[in-house]
Amino acid sequence: MKFLKAYEMASKTKEQFPPDVMLHFYALYKRATERNGFYIPPGNQGDLRSAFKINALVQVRKLSKKEAEDRYIELVEEYIGKIN
């Protein structure tokens, strides 16, 4: 499956990405893989990192799982390389 290959590539890359790109990877992956459809990070720490994660997740909440997978694949191909 192309999505799983994309995830493998993203997990193994040594590339360093800006925080906004990392948040896109995170949100799209969570949206594509969450069973109940919408993921909220655990904990109520109120820290800035959690706020950014939640914001990224809110931005992709209306995507279907398939759309999230497709966008994740596009992001991997844009920043890491072509998926074979």
C-alpha atoms as a PDB file:
ATOM      1  CA  MET A   1       0.000   0.000   0.000  1.00  0.00           C
ATOM      2  CA  LYS A   2       1.386   3.377  -1.031  1.00  0.00           C
ATOM      3  CA  PHE A   3       0.377   5.090   2.225  1.00  0.00           C
ATOM      4  CA  LEU A   4       2.361   2.602   4.311  1.00  0.00           C
ATOM      5  CA  LYS A   5       5.388   3.053   2.062  1.00  0.00           C
ATOM      6  CA  ALA A   6       5.054   6.824   2.463  1.00  0.00           C
ATOM      7  CA  TYR A   7       4.907   6.438   6.236  1.00  0.00           C
ATOM      8  CA  GLU A   8       8.014   4.243   6.198  1.00  0.00           C
ATOM      9  CA  MET A   9       9.885   6.814   4.135  1.00  0.00           C
ATOM     10  CA  ALA A  10       8.826   9.644   6.436  1.00  0.00           C
ATOM     11  CA  SER A  11       9.759   7.660   9.538  1.00  0.00           C
ATOM     12  CA  LYS A  12      13.215   6.771   8.249  1.00  0.00           C
ATOM     13  CA  THR A  13      14.239  10.074   6.684  1.00  0.00           C
ATOM     14  CA  LYS A  14      17.142  12.015   8.136  1.00  0.00           C
ATOM     15  CA  GLU A  15      15.755  15.249   6.687  1.00  0.00           C
ATOM     16  CA  GLN A  16      14.969  18.087   9.067  1.00  0.00           C
ATOM     17  CA  PHE A  17      11.737  19.912   8.260  1.00  0.00           C
ATOM     18  CA  PRO A  18      10.312  23.209   9.488  1.00  0.00           C
ATOM     19  CA  PRO A  19       7.751  22.859  12.306  1.00  0.00           C
ATOM     20  CA  ASP A  20       4.800  23.685  10.043  1.00  0.00           C
ATOM     21  CA  VAL A  21       5.692  20.846   7.655  1.00  0.00           C
ATOM     22  CA  MET A  22       6.118  18.435  10.576  1.00  0.00           C
ATOM     23  CA  LEU A  23       2.675  19.437  11.841  1.00  0.00           C
ATOM     24  CA  HIS A  24       1.197  18.687   8.413  1.00  0.00           C
ATOM     25  CA  PHE A  25       2.797  15.226   8.455  1.00  0.00           C
ATOM     26  CA  TYR A  26       1.494  14.656  11.974  1.00  0.00           C
ATOM     27  CA  ALA A  27      -2.067  15.822  11.360  1.00  0.00           C
ATOM     28  CA  LEU A  28      -2.504  13.993   8.067  1.00  0.00           C
ATOM     29  CA  TYR A  29      -1.113  10.763   9.500  1.00  0.00           C
ATOM     30  CA  LYS A  30      -3.369  10.953  12.556  1.00  0.00           C
ATOM     31  CA  ARG A  31      -6.421  11.750  10.406  1.00  0.00           C
ATOM     32  CA  ALA A  32      -5.655   8.859   8.056  1.00  0.00           C
ATOM     33  CA  THR A  33      -5.130   6.324  10.831  1.00  0.00           C
ATOM     34  CA  GLU A  34      -7.500   7.289  13.649  1.00  0.00           C
ATOM     35  CA  ARG A  35     -10.282   4.727  14.050  1.00  0.00           C
ATOM     36  CA  ASN A  36     -12.890   7.101  15.428  1.00  0.00           C
ATOM     37  CA  GLY A  37     -12.269   9.739  12.812  1.00  0.00           C
ATOM     38  CA  PHE A  38     -10.881  12.589  14.895  1.00  0.00           C
ATOM     39  CA  TYR A  39      -7.866  12.451  17.157  1.00  0.00           C
ATOM     40  CA  ILE A  40      -7.254  14.735  20.137  1.00  0.00           C
ATOM     41  CA  PRO A  41      -3.816  14.441  21.746  1.00  0.00           C
ATOM     42  CA  PRO A  42      -3.951  13.061  25.303  1.00  0.00           C
ATOM     43  CA  GLY A  43      -3.350  15.306  28.263  1.00  0.00           C
ATOM     44  CA  ASN A  44      -4.524  18.709  29.230  1.00  0.00           C
ATOM     45  CA  GLN A  45      -1.183  20.353  29.828  1.00  0.00           C
ATOM     46  CA  GLY A  46      -2.034  23.538  27.973  1.00  0.00           C
ATOM     47  CA  ASP A  47       1.429  23.724  26.485  1.00  0.00           C
ATOM     48  CA  LEU A  48       2.198  25.450  23.212  1.00  0.00           C
ATOM     49  CA  ARG A  49       3.202  22.245  21.428  1.00  0.00           C
ATOM     50  CA  SER A  50      -0.169  20.629  22.168  1.00  0.00           C
ATOM     51  CA  ALA A  51      -1.964  23.746  20.986  1.00  0.00           C
ATOM     52  CA  PHE A  52      -0.160  23.630  17.643  1.00  0.00           C
ATOM     53  CA  LYS A  53      -0.937  19.915  17.267  1.00  0.00           C
ATOM     54  CA  ILE A  54      -4.619  20.461  18.002  1.00  0.00           C
ATOM     55  CA  ASN A  55      -4.733  23.354  15.538  1.00  0.00           C
ATOM     56  CA  ALA A  56      -3.166  21.171  12.831  1.00  0.00           C
ATOM     57  CA  LEU A  57      -5.682  18.410  13.554  1.00  0.00           C
ATOM     58  CA  VAL A  58      -8.616  20.823  13.394  1.00  0.00           C
ATOM     59  CA  GLN A  59      -7.437  21.953   9.961  1.00  0.00           C
ATOM     60  CA  VAL A  60      -7.705  18.416   8.554  1.00  0.00           C
ATOM     61  CA  ARG A  61     -10.812  17.260  10.450  1.00  0.00           C
ATOM     62  CA  LYS A  62     -13.113  17.494   7.423  1.00  0.00           C
ATOM     63  CA  LEU A  63     -10.897  15.314   5.244  1.00  0.00           C
ATOM     64  CA  SER A  64     -11.909  11.710   4.737  1.00  0.00           C
ATOM     65  CA  LYS A  65      -9.375   9.091   5.728  1.00  0.00           C
ATOM     66  CA  LYS A  66      -8.669   8.482   2.027  1.00  0.00           C
ATOM     67  CA  GLU A  67      -8.128  12.202   1.370  1.00  0.00           C
ATOM     68  CA  ALA A  68      -5.761  12.374   4.344  1.00  0.00           C
ATOM     69  CA  GLU A  69      -3.826   9.371   3.026  1.00  0.00           C
ATOM     70  CA  ASP A  70      -3.564  10.941  -0.426  1.00  0.00           C
ATOM     71  CA  ARG A  71      -2.379  14.272   0.964  1.00  0.00           C
ATOM     72  CA  TYR A  72       0.141  12.509   3.198  1.00  0.00           C
ATOM     73  CA  ILE A  73       1.523  10.683   0.172  1.00  0.00           C
ATOM     74  CA  GLU A  74       1.745  13.985  -1.734  1.00  0.00           C
ATOM     75  CA  LEU A  75       3.590  15.588   1.178  1.00  0.00           C
ATOM     76  CA  VAL A  76       6.105  12.740   1.334  1.00  0.00           C
ATOM     77  CA  GLU A  77       6.708  12.934  -2.401  1.00  0.00           C
ATOM     78  CA  GLU A  78       7.116  16.719  -2.222  1.00  0.00           C
ATOM     79  CA  TYR A  79       9.593  16.748   0.674  1.00  0.00           C
ATOM     80  CA  ILE A  80      11.254  13.327   0.697  1.00  0.00           C
ATOM     81  CA  GLY A  81      11.001  11.682  -2.698  1.00  0.00           C
ATOM     82  CA  LYS A  82       8.954   9.608  -5.097  1.00  0.00           C
ATOM     83  CA  ILE A  83       7.235   6.562  -3.624  1.00  0.00           C
ATOM     84  CA  ASN A  84       7.818   3.405  -5.676  1.00  0.00           C
END
